[in-house]
Amino acid sequence: MNPLNASIASTAWTCDNPQAMADFYHQLTGWPIMSAEDTHAIIGTDDQMLVFAHQEEFTAPNWPADTLPFHLDFRVEDTEAAVAQLVKAGGTKPDFQPGEDQWTVLLDPSGQPLCISSPQDH
């Protein structure tokens, strides 16, 4: 059987504030905000999108104690500058950093972890 060679068109997850998530991930990716409502927000391009859906009583994972259902890794040119910009955009940098300087863990505005690294770090 031949593989289908599908590509990921969008990734969607729940959060408490879709607009804050769209603003944060727009800062990270540069993708335009396509929609920003109380119930959902979408950023993306013609090829890929991130979709944030509002969930009542949303609870972020207790990272690093909880097993994560998923997380995203991003590459940026300057990790230090990216961390500073993303903290200003509503992210936080937790004390626990398991990457041994290979990557930096941030929590997005909903408290979900993501990792950023520079291309030379991989």
C-alpha atoms as a PDB file:
ATOM      1  CA  MET A   1       0.000   0.000   0.000  1.00  0.00           C
ATOM      2  CA  ASN A   2       1.388   3.406  -0.984  1.00  0.00           C
ATOM      3  CA  PRO A   3       1.527   6.196   1.584  1.00  0.00           C
ATOM      4  CA  LEU A   4      -0.973   9.001   1.098  1.00  0.00           C
ATOM      5  CA  ASN A   5       1.639  11.733   1.549  1.00  0.00           C
ATOM      6  CA  ALA A   6      -0.862  13.925   3.385  1.00  0.00           C
ATOM      7  CA  SER A   7       0.210  17.203   4.895  1.00  0.00           C
ATOM      8  CA  ILE A   8      -1.067  18.773   8.083  1.00  0.00           C
ATOM      9  CA  ALA A   9      -3.454  21.587   7.195  1.00  0.00           C
ATOM     10  CA  SER A  10      -4.266  22.698  10.722  1.00  0.00           C
ATOM     11  CA  THR A  11      -3.648  21.942  14.341  1.00  0.00           C
ATOM     12  CA  ALA A  12      -6.420  22.762  16.789  1.00  0.00           C
ATOM     13  CA  TRP A  13      -6.557  22.799  20.556  1.00  0.00           C
ATOM     14  CA  THR A  14      -8.613  24.196  23.382  1.00  0.00           C
ATOM     15  CA  CYS A  15      -7.733  27.132  25.592  1.00  0.00           C
ATOM     16  CA  ASP A  16      -9.290  29.763  27.821  1.00  0.00           C
ATOM     17  CA  ASN A  17      -8.585  32.817  25.631  1.00  0.00           C
ATOM     18  CA  PRO A  18      -8.428  32.209  21.850  1.00  0.00           C
ATOM     19  CA  GLN A  19      -7.602  35.832  21.042  1.00  0.00           C
ATOM     20  CA  ALA A  20      -4.608  35.889  23.392  1.00  0.00           C
ATOM     21  CA  MET A  21      -3.397  32.643  21.845  1.00  0.00           C
ATOM     22  CA  ALA A  22      -3.756  34.049  18.324  1.00  0.00           C
ATOM     23  CA  ASP A  23      -1.791  37.157  19.295  1.00  0.00           C
ATOM     24  CA  PHE A  24       0.965  35.088  20.941  1.00  0.00           C
ATOM     25  CA  TYR A  25       1.383  32.585  18.105  1.00  0.00           C
ATOM     26  CA  HIS A  26       1.161  35.405  15.542  1.00  0.00           C
ATOM     27  CA  GLN A  27       4.193  36.953  17.296  1.00  0.00           C
ATOM     28  CA  LEU A  28       5.983  33.603  17.139  1.00  0.00           C
ATOM     29  CA  THR A  29       5.198  32.572  13.565  1.00  0.00           C
ATOM     30  CA  GLY A  30       4.422  35.844  11.808  1.00  0.00           C
ATOM     31  CA  TRP A  31       1.306  34.190  10.369  1.00  0.00           C
ATOM     32  CA  PRO A  32      -1.630  36.549   9.962  1.00  0.00           C
ATOM     33  CA  ILE A  33      -4.597  36.368  12.293  1.00  0.00           C
ATOM     34  CA  MET A  34      -7.384  35.057  10.079  1.00  0.00           C
ATOM     35  CA  SER A  35     -10.144  35.103  12.694  1.00  0.00           C
ATOM     36  CA  ALA A  36     -10.357  36.202  16.324  1.00  0.00           C
ATOM     37  CA  GLU A  37     -13.656  35.639  18.114  1.00  0.00           C
ATOM     38  CA  ASP A  38     -14.582  34.860  21.720  1.00  0.00           C
ATOM     39  CA  THR A  39     -15.221  31.226  20.725  1.00  0.00           C
ATOM     40  CA  HIS A  40     -12.235  30.616  18.470  1.00  0.00           C
ATOM     41  CA  ALA A  41      -9.274  32.185  16.730  1.00  0.00           C
ATOM     42  CA  ILE A  42      -7.247  31.124  13.711  1.00  0.00           C
ATOM     43  CA  ILE A  43      -3.834  32.144  12.456  1.00  0.00           C
ATOM     44  CA  GLY A  44      -2.175  30.771   9.394  1.00  0.00           C
ATOM     45  CA  THR A  45      -1.405  30.718   5.738  1.00  0.00           C
ATOM     46  CA  ASP A  46      -3.002  29.053   2.764  1.00  0.00           C
ATOM     47  CA  ASP A  47      -1.026  25.911   3.636  1.00  0.00           C
ATOM     48  CA  GLN A  48      -1.263  25.617   7.415  1.00  0.00           C
ATOM     49  CA  MET A  49      -3.212  27.000  10.334  1.00  0.00           C
ATOM     50  CA  LEU A  50      -3.307  26.986  14.110  1.00  0.00           C
ATOM     51  CA  VAL A  51      -6.844  26.948  15.515  1.00  0.00           C
ATOM     52  CA  PHE A  52      -7.632  27.889  19.123  1.00  0.00           C
ATOM     53  CA  ALA A  53     -11.050  26.954  20.493  1.00  0.00           C
ATOM     54  CA  HIS A  54     -12.475  28.349  23.721  1.00  0.00           C
ATOM     55  CA  GLN A  55     -13.276  25.766  26.381  1.00  0.00           C
ATOM     56  CA  GLU A  56     -15.223  26.659  29.498  1.00  0.00           C
ATOM     57  CA  GLU A  57     -13.301  25.817  32.663  1.00  0.00           C
ATOM     58  CA  PHE A  58     -10.137  25.120  30.670  1.00  0.00           C
ATOM     59  CA  THR A  59      -7.277  23.833  32.796  1.00  0.00           C
ATOM     60  CA  ALA A  60      -3.724  23.995  31.520  1.00  0.00           C
ATOM     61  CA  PRO A  61      -1.466  21.007  32.107  1.00  0.00           C
ATOM     62  CA  ASN A  62       0.581  21.123  35.293  1.00  0.00           C
ATOM     63  CA  TRP A  63       3.885  21.051  33.502  1.00  0.00           C
ATOM     64  CA  PRO A  64       6.271  19.313  34.087  1.00  0.00           C
ATOM     65  CA  ALA A  65       4.284  17.025  36.405  1.00  0.00           C
ATOM     66  CA  ASP A  66       1.532  16.140  33.910  1.00  0.00           C
ATOM     67  CA  THR A  67       2.045  14.008  30.847  1.00  0.00           C
ATOM     68  CA  LEU A  68       1.481  16.278  27.866  1.00  0.00           C
ATOM     69  CA  PRO A  69      -1.008  15.253  25.189  1.00  0.00           C
ATOM     70  CA  PHE A  70       1.142  17.235  22.729  1.00  0.00           C
ATOM     71  CA  HIS A  71       3.495  20.169  22.442  1.00  0.00           C
ATOM     72  CA  LEU A  72       4.973  22.121  19.569  1.00  0.00           C
ATOM     73  CA  ASP A  73       8.628  22.875  18.842  1.00  0.00           C
ATOM     74  CA  PHE A  74       9.634  25.989  16.924  1.00  0.00           C
ATOM     75  CA  ARG A  75      12.952  27.151  15.498  1.00  0.00           C
ATOM     76  CA  VAL A  76      13.852  30.829  15.727  1.00  0.00           C
ATOM     77  CA  GLU A  77      16.958  32.732  14.674  1.00  0.00           C
ATOM     78  CA  ASP A  78      17.678  34.208  18.116  1.00  0.00           C
ATOM     79  CA  THR A  79      16.344  32.249  21.090  1.00  0.00           C
ATOM     80  CA  GLU A  80      17.056  34.960  23.692  1.00  0.00           C
ATOM     81  CA  ALA A  81      15.310  37.651  21.667  1.00  0.00           C
ATOM     82  CA  ALA A  82      12.386  35.317  20.973  1.00  0.00           C
ATOM     83  CA  VAL A  83      11.983  34.503  24.665  1.00  0.00           C
ATOM     84  CA  ALA A  84      11.915  38.205  25.534  1.00  0.00           C
ATOM     85  CA  GLN A  85       9.368  39.000  22.810  1.00  0.00           C
ATOM     86  CA  LEU A  86       7.131  36.041  23.687  1.00  0.00           C
ATOM     87  CA  VAL A  87       7.146  36.877  27.399  1.00  0.00           C
ATOM     88  CA  LYS A  88       5.995  40.393  26.460  1.00  0.00           C
ATOM     89  CA  ALA A  89       3.291  38.753  24.310  1.00  0.00           C
ATOM     90  CA  GLY A  90       1.873  36.842  27.290  1.00  0.00           C
ATOM     91  CA  GLY A  91       4.078  33.775  27.583  1.00  0.00           C
ATOM     92  CA  THR A  92       6.042  32.730  30.640  1.00  0.00           C
ATOM     93  CA  LYS A  93       9.379  31.005  31.082  1.00  0.00           C
ATOM     94  CA  PRO A  94       9.157  28.316  33.760  1.00  0.00           C
ATOM     95  CA  ASP A  95      12.082  27.664  36.063  1.00  0.00           C
ATOM     96  CA  PHE A  96      12.329  24.004  34.978  1.00  0.00           C
ATOM     97  CA  GLN A  97      14.294  23.891  31.701  1.00  0.00           C
ATOM     98  CA  PRO A  98      15.138  20.280  30.777  1.00  0.00           C
ATOM     99  CA  GLY A  99      16.802  21.025  27.428  1.00  0.00           C
ATOM    100  CA  GLU A 100      20.307  21.647  28.776  1.00  0.00           C
ATOM    101  CA  ASP A 101      20.498  24.772  26.575  1.00  0.00           C
ATOM    102  CA  GLN A 102      19.382  22.835  23.472  1.00  0.00           C
ATOM    103  CA  TRP A 103      15.931  24.426  23.652  1.00  0.00           C
ATOM    104  CA  THR A 104      13.919  26.748  25.849  1.00  0.00           C
ATOM    105  CA  VAL A 105      10.549  25.789  27.259  1.00  0.00           C
ATOM    106  CA  LEU A 106       7.900  28.498  27.390  1.00  0.00           C
ATOM    107  CA  LEU A 107       4.291  28.387  28.486  1.00  0.00           C
ATOM    108  CA  ASP A 108       1.893  30.081  26.090  1.00  0.00           C
ATOM    109  CA  PRO A 109      -0.882  32.374  27.415  1.00  0.00           C
ATOM    110  CA  SER A 110      -3.063  29.348  28.209  1.00  0.00           C
ATOM    111  CA  GLY A 111      -0.232  27.669  30.150  1.00  0.00           C
ATOM    112  CA  GLN A 112       0.570  25.015  27.575  1.00  0.00           C
ATOM    113  CA  PRO A 113       4.274  24.265  27.026  1.00  0.00           C
ATOM    114  CA  LEU A 114       6.123  24.802  23.770  1.00  0.00           C
ATOM    115  CA  CYS A 115       9.800  24.674  22.937  1.00  0.00           C
ATOM    116  CA  ILE A 116      11.892  27.069  20.933  1.00  0.00           C
ATOM    117  CA  SER A 117      15.415  26.574  19.687  1.00  0.00           C
ATOM    118  CA  SER A 118      17.842  28.064  17.208  1.00  0.00           C
ATOM    119  CA  PRO A 119      18.601  26.197  13.981  1.00  0.00           C
ATOM    120  CA  GLN A 120      22.183  25.550  15.119  1.00  0.00           C
ATOM    121  CA  ASP A 121      20.856  23.875  18.297  1.00  0.00           C
ATOM    122  CA  HIS A 122      19.676  20.836  16.309  1.00  0.00           C
END
